[in-house]
């Protein structure tokens, strides 16, 4: 009887690991920019970025859950699209796991060195909040969060120093 109980408890423990695994797997997904995913029923975010100043380096678009615990926290992004920069306007389709509240952050690494160069690189966020020294360039999740139901279109204006 004790052996059967231990086996049952082990099976339950393994089952709970299988259930929690997708929650961990939802973070840090590197994906390609697939516009077709914004032509269906979603859920997805169609992001139009304006004001990209140069066709050099890379543009990175990251999605986050629109909650304080995740917004701009290291390793808490849901998906990332990274492509060569094109001056002017760029468009992205960012699928999200389900309808809900999200935020988008964009970074233009102008020289492609994978480091933040404050005087060269640009950035932007959903809802285009002001970025200043007082918020260290990280506005509150409340200012950047938006609701997704189906396919949501947003526009982000790049800002450079």
N, C-alpha and C. Protein backbone atom coordinates (compact mmCIF):
# COMPACT_ATOMS: atom_id res chain seq x y z
N UNK A 1 0.82 -1.19 0.00
CA UNK A 1 0.00 0.00 0.00
C UNK A 1 0.87 1.26 0.00
N UNK A 2 1.92 1.26 0.82
CA UNK A 2 2.82 2.41 0.89
C UNK A 2 3.52 2.61 -0.45
N UNK A 3 3.89 1.49 -1.10
CA UNK A 3 4.56 1.58 -2.40
C UNK A 3 3.61 2.20 -3.44
N UNK A 4 2.34 1.80 -3.43
CA UNK A 4 1.35 2.34 -4.37
C UNK A 4 1.14 3.84 -4.10
N UNK A 5 1.11 4.21 -2.83
CA UNK A 5 0.93 5.61 -2.46
C UNK A 5 2.12 6.44 -2.95
N UNK A 6 3.35 5.93 -2.76
CA UNK A 6 4.54 6.63 -3.24
C UNK A 6 4.53 6.77 -4.76
N UNK A 7 4.10 5.72 -5.45
CA UNK A 7 4.03 5.76 -6.91
C UNK A 7 3.00 6.79 -7.36
N UNK A 8 1.86 6.83 -6.69
CA UNK A 8 0.82 7.80 -7.03
C UNK A 8 1.30 9.22 -6.78
N UNK A 9 2.00 9.42 -5.66
CA UNK A 9 2.51 10.76 -5.35
C UNK A 9 3.57 11.18 -6.38
N UNK A 10 4.41 10.25 -6.82
CA UNK A 10 5.42 10.56 -7.83
C UNK A 10 4.76 10.93 -9.15
N UNK A 11 3.71 10.20 -9.50
CA UNK A 11 2.98 10.49 -10.74
C UNK A 11 2.33 11.87 -10.67
N UNK A 12 1.76 12.23 -9.52
CA UNK A 12 1.17 13.55 -9.35
C UNK A 12 2.23 14.64 -9.46
N UNK A 13 3.38 14.39 -8.85
CA UNK A 13 4.46 15.38 -8.91
C UNK A 13 4.92 15.59 -10.34
N UNK A 14 5.10 14.50 -11.10
CA UNK A 14 5.49 14.62 -12.49
C UNK A 14 4.41 15.31 -13.31
N UNK A 15 3.16 15.02 -13.02
CA UNK A 15 2.05 15.67 -13.71
C UNK A 15 2.04 17.16 -13.47
N UNK A 16 2.33 17.58 -12.24
CA UNK A 16 2.34 19.02 -11.96
C UNK A 16 3.51 19.70 -12.65
N UNK A 17 4.63 18.99 -12.83
CA UNK A 17 5.74 19.57 -13.58
C UNK A 17 5.35 19.77 -15.03
N UNK A 18 4.64 18.83 -15.60
CA UNK A 18 4.21 18.95 -16.99
C UNK A 18 3.25 20.12 -17.16
N UNK A 19 2.42 20.35 -16.16
CA UNK A 19 1.47 21.46 -16.24
C UNK A 19 2.19 22.79 -16.11
N UNK A 20 3.21 22.89 -15.24
CA UNK A 20 3.88 24.16 -15.03
C UNK A 20 4.92 24.46 -16.11
N UNK A 21 5.38 23.46 -16.83
CA UNK A 21 6.41 23.67 -17.85
C UNK A 21 6.00 24.70 -18.90
N UNK A 22 4.78 24.66 -19.44
CA UNK A 22 4.43 25.66 -20.44
C UNK A 22 4.46 27.09 -19.90
N UNK A 23 4.20 27.28 -18.62
CA UNK A 23 4.24 28.62 -18.05
C UNK A 23 5.65 29.18 -18.14
N UNK A 24 6.65 28.33 -17.89
CA UNK A 24 8.03 28.76 -17.99
C UNK A 24 8.41 28.94 -19.46
N UNK A 25 7.95 28.04 -20.31
CA UNK A 25 8.30 28.08 -21.72
C UNK A 25 7.72 29.30 -22.43
N UNK A 26 6.75 29.98 -21.83
CA UNK A 26 6.14 31.11 -22.51
C UNK A 26 7.09 32.30 -22.62
N UNK A 27 8.14 32.35 -21.83
CA UNK A 27 9.08 33.47 -21.87
C UNK A 27 10.22 33.20 -22.85
N UNK A 28 10.81 34.29 -23.35
CA UNK A 28 12.04 34.27 -24.13
C UNK A 28 11.94 33.45 -25.42
N UNK A 29 10.88 33.66 -26.18
CA UNK A 29 10.71 32.99 -27.47
C UNK A 29 11.24 33.89 -28.58
N UNK A 30 12.30 33.47 -29.25
CA UNK A 30 12.81 34.22 -30.40
C UNK A 30 12.04 33.75 -31.62
N UNK A 31 11.39 34.70 -32.29
CA UNK A 31 10.53 34.35 -33.42
C UNK A 31 10.90 35.20 -34.63
N UNK A 32 10.40 34.78 -35.79
CA UNK A 32 10.61 35.58 -37.01
C UNK A 32 9.43 36.52 -37.20
N UNK A 33 9.63 37.51 -38.03
CA UNK A 33 8.56 38.46 -38.33
C UNK A 33 7.71 37.87 -39.44
N UNK A 34 6.52 37.40 -39.10
CA UNK A 34 5.63 36.75 -40.05
C UNK A 34 4.33 37.56 -40.17
N UNK A 35 4.26 38.48 -41.16
CA UNK A 35 3.06 39.32 -41.30
C UNK A 35 1.76 38.52 -41.46
N UNK A 36 1.83 37.32 -41.97
CA UNK A 36 0.63 36.50 -42.16
C UNK A 36 -0.10 36.23 -40.85
N UNK A 37 0.62 36.20 -39.75
CA UNK A 37 0.00 35.93 -38.46
C UNK A 37 -0.90 37.08 -37.99
N UNK A 38 -0.77 38.25 -38.63
CA UNK A 38 -1.64 39.38 -38.29
C UNK A 38 -2.80 39.50 -39.28
N UNK A 39 -2.89 38.59 -40.22
CA UNK A 39 -4.01 38.60 -41.17
C UNK A 39 -5.14 37.69 -40.72
N UNK A 40 -4.89 36.87 -39.71
CA UNK A 40 -5.91 35.96 -39.21
C UNK A 40 -6.68 36.57 -38.06
N UNK A 41 -7.13 35.69 -37.17
CA UNK A 41 -7.96 36.14 -36.05
C UNK A 41 -7.14 36.41 -34.79
N UNK A 42 -5.82 36.18 -34.85
CA UNK A 42 -4.97 36.47 -33.70
C UNK A 42 -4.99 35.38 -32.67
N UNK A 43 -4.61 35.66 -31.47
CA UNK A 43 -4.23 36.98 -30.96
C UNK A 43 -2.82 37.38 -31.42
N UNK A 44 -2.69 38.64 -31.80
CA UNK A 44 -1.42 39.16 -32.27
C UNK A 44 -1.46 40.69 -32.21
N UNK A 45 -0.26 41.29 -32.31
CA UNK A 45 -0.13 42.73 -32.32
C UNK A 45 0.59 43.12 -33.60
N UNK A 46 -0.06 43.95 -34.41
CA UNK A 46 0.57 44.50 -35.61
C UNK A 46 1.21 45.82 -35.19
N UNK A 47 2.55 45.85 -35.23
CA UNK A 47 3.31 47.00 -34.74
C UNK A 47 3.91 47.76 -35.93
N UNK A 48 3.58 49.04 -36.04
CA UNK A 48 4.18 49.90 -37.06
C UNK A 48 5.11 50.85 -36.33
N UNK A 49 6.38 50.81 -36.69
CA UNK A 49 7.40 51.64 -36.04
C UNK A 49 7.81 52.72 -37.02
N UNK A 50 7.71 53.98 -36.61
CA UNK A 50 8.11 55.09 -37.47
C UNK A 50 9.33 55.79 -36.87
N UNK A 51 10.05 56.47 -37.74
CA UNK A 51 11.19 57.26 -37.28
C UNK A 51 12.47 56.50 -37.07
N UNK A 52 12.63 55.33 -37.72
CA UNK A 52 13.90 54.60 -37.62
C UNK A 52 14.92 55.43 -38.40
N UNK A 53 15.98 55.88 -37.72
CA UNK A 53 16.84 56.91 -38.32
C UNK A 53 17.90 56.40 -39.30
N UNK A 54 18.22 55.11 -39.28
CA UNK A 54 19.28 54.63 -40.17
C UNK A 54 19.05 53.17 -40.56
N UNK A 55 19.57 52.82 -41.73
CA UNK A 55 19.51 51.43 -42.19
C UNK A 55 20.80 50.72 -41.78
N UNK A 56 21.10 50.80 -40.51
CA UNK A 56 22.29 50.12 -39.98
C UNK A 56 21.91 49.49 -38.65
N UNK A 57 22.62 48.43 -38.29
CA UNK A 57 22.35 47.75 -37.03
C UNK A 57 21.08 46.92 -37.08
N UNK A 58 20.47 46.74 -35.91
CA UNK A 58 19.29 45.89 -35.81
C UNK A 58 18.17 46.59 -35.04
N UNK A 59 16.95 46.18 -35.35
CA UNK A 59 15.78 46.61 -34.60
C UNK A 59 15.25 45.38 -33.89
N UNK A 60 15.00 45.54 -32.59
CA UNK A 60 14.47 44.45 -31.76
C UNK A 60 13.12 44.87 -31.22
N UNK A 61 12.14 44.00 -31.39
CA UNK A 61 10.79 44.22 -30.86
C UNK A 61 10.53 43.11 -29.85
N UNK A 62 10.18 43.49 -28.63
CA UNK A 62 9.90 42.51 -27.58
C UNK A 62 8.52 42.74 -27.01
N UNK A 63 7.80 41.64 -26.78
CA UNK A 63 6.49 41.72 -26.14
C UNK A 63 6.62 41.27 -24.70
N UNK A 64 5.80 41.89 -23.86
CA UNK A 64 5.75 41.58 -22.43
C UNK A 64 4.29 41.48 -22.01
N UNK A 65 4.04 40.72 -20.96
CA UNK A 65 2.72 40.81 -20.34
C UNK A 65 2.65 42.21 -19.73
N UNK A 66 1.50 42.83 -19.80
CA UNK A 66 1.35 44.20 -19.30
C UNK A 66 1.10 44.25 -17.81
N UNK A 67 2.03 43.67 -17.05
CA UNK A 67 1.94 43.65 -15.59
C UNK A 67 3.27 44.10 -15.00
N UNK A 68 3.22 44.65 -13.81
CA UNK A 68 4.41 45.18 -13.15
C UNK A 68 5.52 44.12 -13.02
N UNK A 69 5.14 42.89 -12.69
CA UNK A 69 6.13 41.83 -12.46
C UNK A 69 6.95 41.49 -13.71
N UNK A 70 6.42 41.77 -14.91
CA UNK A 70 7.11 41.39 -16.14
C UNK A 70 7.68 42.56 -16.95
N UNK A 71 7.00 43.71 -16.94
CA UNK A 71 7.34 44.80 -17.83
C UNK A 71 8.80 45.23 -17.71
N UNK A 72 9.54 45.05 -18.79
CA UNK A 72 10.96 45.41 -18.92
C UNK A 72 11.88 44.70 -17.93
N UNK A 73 11.42 43.61 -17.36
CA UNK A 73 12.26 42.84 -16.45
C UNK A 73 13.10 41.86 -17.24
N UNK A 74 14.36 41.73 -16.89
CA UNK A 74 15.28 40.85 -17.59
C UNK A 74 14.73 39.42 -17.64
N UNK A 75 14.68 38.88 -18.84
CA UNK A 75 14.23 37.50 -19.03
C UNK A 75 12.73 37.31 -18.96
N UNK A 76 11.96 38.38 -18.79
CA UNK A 76 10.51 38.24 -18.65
C UNK A 76 9.77 38.63 -19.93
N UNK A 77 10.49 38.79 -21.05
CA UNK A 77 9.82 39.08 -22.31
C UNK A 77 9.23 37.78 -22.86
N UNK A 78 8.13 37.94 -23.56
CA UNK A 78 7.44 36.78 -24.12
C UNK A 78 8.07 36.36 -25.45
N UNK A 79 8.17 37.32 -26.36
CA UNK A 79 8.76 37.01 -27.66
C UNK A 79 9.62 38.17 -28.12
N UNK A 80 10.55 37.83 -29.01
CA UNK A 80 11.49 38.82 -29.54
C UNK A 80 11.64 38.58 -31.04
N UNK A 81 11.54 39.68 -31.77
CA UNK A 81 11.85 39.67 -33.20
C UNK A 81 13.02 40.62 -33.38
N UNK A 82 14.06 40.16 -34.06
CA UNK A 82 15.23 40.99 -34.30
C UNK A 82 15.59 40.90 -35.78
N UNK A 83 15.63 42.06 -36.44
CA UNK A 83 15.89 42.11 -37.88
C UNK A 83 16.83 43.27 -38.20
N UNK A 84 17.44 43.24 -39.38
CA UNK A 84 18.25 44.39 -39.80
C UNK A 84 17.36 45.64 -39.89
N UNK A 85 17.91 46.76 -39.45
CA UNK A 85 17.16 48.03 -39.46
C UNK A 85 17.00 48.56 -40.87
N UNK A 86 15.89 49.22 -41.09
CA UNK A 86 15.60 49.90 -42.36
C UNK A 86 15.10 51.31 -42.00
N UNK A 87 15.79 52.33 -42.48
CA UNK A 87 15.42 53.70 -42.15
C UNK A 87 13.98 53.99 -42.56
N UNK A 88 13.29 54.75 -41.74
CA UNK A 88 11.91 55.14 -42.03
C UNK A 88 10.93 54.37 -41.18
N UNK A 89 10.04 53.62 -41.85
CA UNK A 89 8.98 52.89 -41.16
C UNK A 89 9.16 51.39 -41.35
N UNK A 90 8.97 50.65 -40.27
CA UNK A 90 9.05 49.20 -40.31
C UNK A 90 7.79 48.62 -39.67
N UNK A 91 7.37 47.45 -40.15
CA UNK A 91 6.17 46.79 -39.60
C UNK A 91 6.51 45.39 -39.11
N UNK A 92 5.85 45.01 -38.03
CA UNK A 92 6.08 43.70 -37.41
C UNK A 92 4.75 43.09 -37.02
N UNK A 93 4.71 41.78 -36.98
CA UNK A 93 3.57 41.07 -36.43
C UNK A 93 4.08 40.25 -35.24
N UNK A 94 3.54 40.54 -34.07
CA UNK A 94 3.98 39.88 -32.84
C UNK A 94 2.82 39.06 -32.29
N UNK A 95 2.83 37.74 -32.49
CA UNK A 95 1.79 36.91 -31.90
C UNK A 95 1.92 36.94 -30.37
N UNK A 96 0.80 36.87 -29.67
CA UNK A 96 0.79 36.79 -28.21
C UNK A 96 0.05 35.51 -27.81
N UNK A 97 0.33 35.00 -26.61
CA UNK A 97 -0.24 33.70 -26.21
C UNK A 97 -1.77 33.65 -26.19
N UNK A 98 -2.39 34.75 -25.77
CA UNK A 98 -3.87 34.77 -25.66
C UNK A 98 -4.31 36.22 -25.58
N UNK A 99 -5.59 36.47 -25.75
CA UNK A 99 -6.10 37.82 -25.56
C UNK A 99 -5.76 38.26 -24.14
N UNK A 100 -5.45 39.53 -23.95
CA UNK A 100 -5.10 40.02 -22.62
C UNK A 100 -4.38 41.35 -22.70
N UNK A 101 -3.62 41.67 -21.65
CA UNK A 101 -2.92 42.94 -21.53
C UNK A 101 -1.43 42.73 -21.80
N UNK A 102 -0.88 43.57 -22.69
CA UNK A 102 0.51 43.43 -23.11
C UNK A 102 1.17 44.79 -23.22
N UNK A 103 2.49 44.78 -23.39
CA UNK A 103 3.28 45.96 -23.68
C UNK A 103 4.35 45.58 -24.68
N UNK A 104 4.76 46.53 -25.52
CA UNK A 104 5.79 46.28 -26.53
C UNK A 104 6.93 47.28 -26.32
N UNK A 105 8.16 46.79 -26.37
CA UNK A 105 9.35 47.64 -26.30
C UNK A 105 10.17 47.42 -27.57
N UNK A 106 10.70 48.52 -28.12
CA UNK A 106 11.48 48.47 -29.35
C UNK A 106 12.84 49.12 -29.09
N UNK A 107 13.87 48.53 -29.65
CA UNK A 107 15.21 49.10 -29.52
C UNK A 107 15.90 49.05 -30.87
N UNK A 108 16.54 50.15 -31.25
CA UNK A 108 17.36 50.19 -32.46
C UNK A 108 18.81 50.25 -32.02
N UNK A 109 19.52 49.15 -32.20
CA UNK A 109 20.95 49.07 -31.90
C UNK A 109 21.66 49.53 -33.18
N UNK A 110 21.92 50.83 -33.27
CA UNK A 110 22.36 51.45 -34.51
C UNK A 110 23.65 50.84 -35.07
N UNK A 111 24.62 50.54 -34.20
CA UNK A 111 25.87 49.99 -34.71
C UNK A 111 25.95 48.47 -34.60
N UNK A 112 24.89 47.85 -34.11
CA UNK A 112 24.83 46.38 -34.07
C UNK A 112 25.79 45.73 -33.09
N UNK A 113 26.22 46.46 -32.07
CA UNK A 113 27.19 45.89 -31.12
C UNK A 113 26.54 45.14 -29.96
N UNK A 114 25.20 45.06 -29.95
CA UNK A 114 24.43 44.34 -28.93
C UNK A 114 24.58 44.96 -27.54
N UNK A 115 24.99 46.23 -27.50
CA UNK A 115 25.09 46.97 -26.24
C UNK A 115 24.25 48.23 -26.37
N UNK A 116 23.80 48.76 -25.24
CA UNK A 116 23.03 50.00 -25.27
C UNK A 116 23.99 51.18 -25.29
N UNK A 117 23.98 51.91 -26.39
CA UNK A 117 24.78 53.12 -26.54
C UNK A 117 23.82 54.30 -26.42
N UNK A 118 23.78 54.90 -25.25
CA UNK A 118 22.80 55.93 -24.92
C UNK A 118 22.78 57.07 -25.93
N UNK A 119 23.93 57.44 -26.46
CA UNK A 119 23.99 58.59 -27.36
C UNK A 119 23.75 58.23 -28.82
N UNK A 120 23.63 56.94 -29.16
CA UNK A 120 23.43 56.52 -30.54
C UNK A 120 22.12 55.76 -30.75
N UNK A 121 21.83 54.81 -29.88
CA UNK A 121 20.69 53.91 -30.07
C UNK A 121 19.37 54.61 -29.81
N UNK A 122 18.32 54.04 -30.38
CA UNK A 122 16.98 54.59 -30.20
C UNK A 122 16.07 53.56 -29.58
N UNK A 123 14.91 54.03 -29.16
CA UNK A 123 13.94 53.13 -28.55
C UNK A 123 12.55 53.70 -28.61
N UNK A 124 11.60 52.86 -28.30
CA UNK A 124 10.21 53.27 -28.24
C UNK A 124 9.40 52.20 -27.55
N UNK A 125 8.19 52.58 -27.14
CA UNK A 125 7.32 51.65 -26.42
C UNK A 125 5.87 51.87 -26.81
N UNK A 126 5.08 50.86 -26.57
CA UNK A 126 3.65 50.98 -26.86
C UNK A 126 3.07 52.17 -26.12
N UNK A 127 2.12 52.82 -26.73
CA UNK A 127 1.45 54.03 -26.25
C UNK A 127 2.35 55.26 -26.26
N UNK A 128 3.59 55.13 -26.75
CA UNK A 128 4.52 56.25 -26.89
C UNK A 128 4.63 57.13 -25.64
N UNK A 129 4.94 56.54 -24.47
CA UNK A 129 5.07 57.36 -23.26
C UNK A 129 6.33 58.22 -23.32
N UNK A 130 6.36 59.26 -22.51
CA UNK A 130 7.57 60.07 -22.45
C UNK A 130 8.64 59.26 -21.73
N UNK A 131 9.85 59.42 -22.21
CA UNK A 131 11.00 58.73 -21.62
C UNK A 131 11.94 59.83 -21.15
N UNK A 132 12.28 59.82 -19.87
CA UNK A 132 13.14 60.88 -19.36
C UNK A 132 14.03 60.36 -18.24
N UNK A 133 14.86 61.22 -17.74
CA UNK A 133 15.82 60.83 -16.69
C UNK A 133 15.12 60.40 -15.40
N UNK A 134 13.93 60.94 -15.15
CA UNK A 134 13.23 60.62 -13.91
C UNK A 134 12.70 59.19 -13.88
N UNK A 135 12.36 58.64 -15.05
CA UNK A 135 11.90 57.25 -15.04
C UNK A 135 12.97 56.32 -15.62
N UNK A 136 14.20 56.83 -15.76
CA UNK A 136 15.34 56.05 -16.24
C UNK A 136 15.05 55.37 -17.58
N UNK A 137 14.20 55.98 -18.39
CA UNK A 137 13.86 55.41 -19.68
C UNK A 137 12.94 54.21 -19.58
N UNK A 138 12.37 53.98 -18.39
CA UNK A 138 11.49 52.83 -18.18
C UNK A 138 10.16 53.29 -17.60
N UNK A 139 9.26 53.75 -18.47
CA UNK A 139 7.96 54.17 -17.96
C UNK A 139 7.21 53.01 -17.34
N UNK A 140 6.28 53.33 -16.49
CA UNK A 140 5.46 52.34 -15.80
C UNK A 140 4.71 51.45 -16.78
N UNK A 141 4.49 50.23 -16.40
CA UNK A 141 3.69 49.31 -17.21
C UNK A 141 2.30 49.88 -17.46
N UNK A 142 1.81 50.70 -16.54
CA UNK A 142 0.48 51.29 -16.70
C UNK A 142 0.42 52.23 -17.90
N UNK A 143 1.54 52.86 -18.23
CA UNK A 143 1.58 53.79 -19.36
C UNK A 143 1.79 53.10 -20.70
N UNK A 144 2.24 51.87 -20.68
CA UNK A 144 2.56 51.17 -21.93
C UNK A 144 1.60 50.01 -22.23
N UNK A 145 0.82 49.61 -21.26
CA UNK A 145 -0.06 48.45 -21.42
C UNK A 145 -1.23 48.75 -22.34
N UNK A 146 -1.65 47.74 -23.08
CA UNK A 146 -2.81 47.84 -23.96
C UNK A 146 -3.49 46.47 -24.04
N UNK A 147 -4.74 46.47 -24.42
CA UNK A 147 -5.53 45.24 -24.50
C UNK A 147 -5.46 44.64 -25.90
N UNK A 148 -5.30 43.33 -25.95
CA UNK A 148 -5.33 42.61 -27.22
C UNK A 148 -6.55 41.70 -27.21
N UNK A 149 -7.33 41.83 -28.27
CA UNK A 149 -8.46 40.94 -28.52
C UNK A 149 -8.45 40.74 -30.03
N UNK A 150 -8.05 39.59 -30.48
CA UNK A 150 -7.90 39.36 -31.91
C UNK A 150 -6.56 39.91 -32.37
N UNK A 151 -6.57 40.75 -33.41
CA UNK A 151 -5.35 41.41 -33.89
C UNK A 151 -5.46 42.89 -33.55
N UNK A 152 -4.51 43.38 -32.78
CA UNK A 152 -4.47 44.78 -32.34
C UNK A 152 -3.38 45.50 -33.12
N UNK A 153 -3.71 46.65 -33.70
CA UNK A 153 -2.71 47.47 -34.41
C UNK A 153 -2.27 48.61 -33.51
N UNK A 154 -0.94 48.78 -33.40
CA UNK A 154 -0.39 49.89 -32.63
C UNK A 154 0.71 50.57 -33.44
N UNK A 155 1.00 51.82 -33.12
CA UNK A 155 2.09 52.57 -33.73
C UNK A 155 3.05 53.02 -32.65
N UNK A 156 4.33 52.86 -32.93
CA UNK A 156 5.38 53.28 -32.00
C UNK A 156 6.31 54.23 -32.74
N UNK A 157 6.58 55.35 -32.12
CA UNK A 157 7.49 56.36 -32.68
C UNK A 157 8.87 56.18 -32.02
N UNK A 158 9.89 55.98 -32.83
CA UNK A 158 11.24 55.82 -32.28
C UNK A 158 11.74 57.15 -31.74
N UNK A 159 12.52 57.07 -30.69
CA UNK A 159 13.14 58.25 -30.08
C UNK A 159 14.64 58.01 -29.97
N UNK A 160 15.38 59.03 -30.30
CA UNK A 160 16.83 59.00 -30.21
C UNK A 160 17.27 60.21 -29.40
N UNK A 161 18.41 60.13 -28.81
CA UNK A 161 18.92 61.23 -28.00
C UNK A 161 19.34 62.36 -28.88
